[in-house]
């Protein structure tokens, strides 16, 4: 049994608060800490499940809480991130392998149980996670409790709240894998100075975290997104923003004025924009003999790439299938949280518990998200 919460209570108790509001906060924190002093014994939970492609999502109240393996932890989710794939997979009938099925790929919360061989985390730790194990419902996050391998778990930075933590997940994992695995760029500060990356879909979650990582390694970032998001993307590290609503000819004119070789291109939008980026690379080769590298997140264009361009794959599942690789991603990005090189992206919060997942998914499908992450707050 972890005694960390008890120590935390004693430290808080040494202060004397005269404000009723502060006393209320103190009592609330003590109650939360006491929850983790007793061994975890709950057996069931609430989940948001797909029970059939043609049926509406259901909130199931007595769904079994998953068991943890020796290298895993059980996290009580406090905030859950929402992604487009979470509604698209049901609507278009893919990546759902059984019923009832639980979606959700990221969350933040509190460790309530640890496996026998877990040493880096203890009960009561605040954490955040991103699951790439799409076939393992235990790791899905549209539920009150989620299982995660301890090697792939981040501690929630002290200055972040749970909503901040729920924006990380698969968006950051994808951005990191793009650089480290697809493009073979190490996460070393300013190691790529003098080179340029162009991102179509800079206001997507992947695009926003990719911008921050690219800035850290020294890449010059050109971001294609809506004009209304330009200032925010520049604040994240983009050197140049171009409206994605411009014609192809107008975009080429802007890039010609930049007069720079484009070394890397990432598409986060569509097959059409991916094909256009291949064209952009062919027209911005510069004098270097090195190949230009392209990766598409949504689609790989079927057209033959220019002779100077290599199309690289994106293997997101490597994060959990190669535990050492995933652990290195977690460690490298943890240091970037600590020094402020990676900031949580803007978010839109849906408060009211796990039931709000359904309305958040509907809003995301109908309204879309632009330079913000949808987050459901459970507490």
Foldseek 3Di string as FASTA:
>chain_A
DDCVLVVVLVVVVVDDDPDPVVVVVNVVSNVVSVVQPDADDDFAWWFFWDQALPDAIDIDGGHGQDDAAQQKFKFQFFKFFDDLCQVVCSPVVPLADHPRAGAGFKTKGFTRGHHNNHDPDDGGFTKIAGDPPSVDRQQHDRIRMHMDRPLQIAGDDPPDDRQLRNLCYLLLLQLVCCQCPQVVHDQAFCQPAPAEEEEEQCLDSNNLNNQLSCVRNHHAYEYEDAPVCVVVSVVSHHPHYDHPPDDLVVVLVVVVVVLAQHQEYEYEDDLVVLVSVLVVNVVRHPDDQAAREYEYDPDHHPDDGPPRYDYTYGDSCCLPVVSVVVSVSNVSVNVCVVVVSDGRWAEDEDEDASVCVSVQNVCCVPPNDGRYIYMYGHD
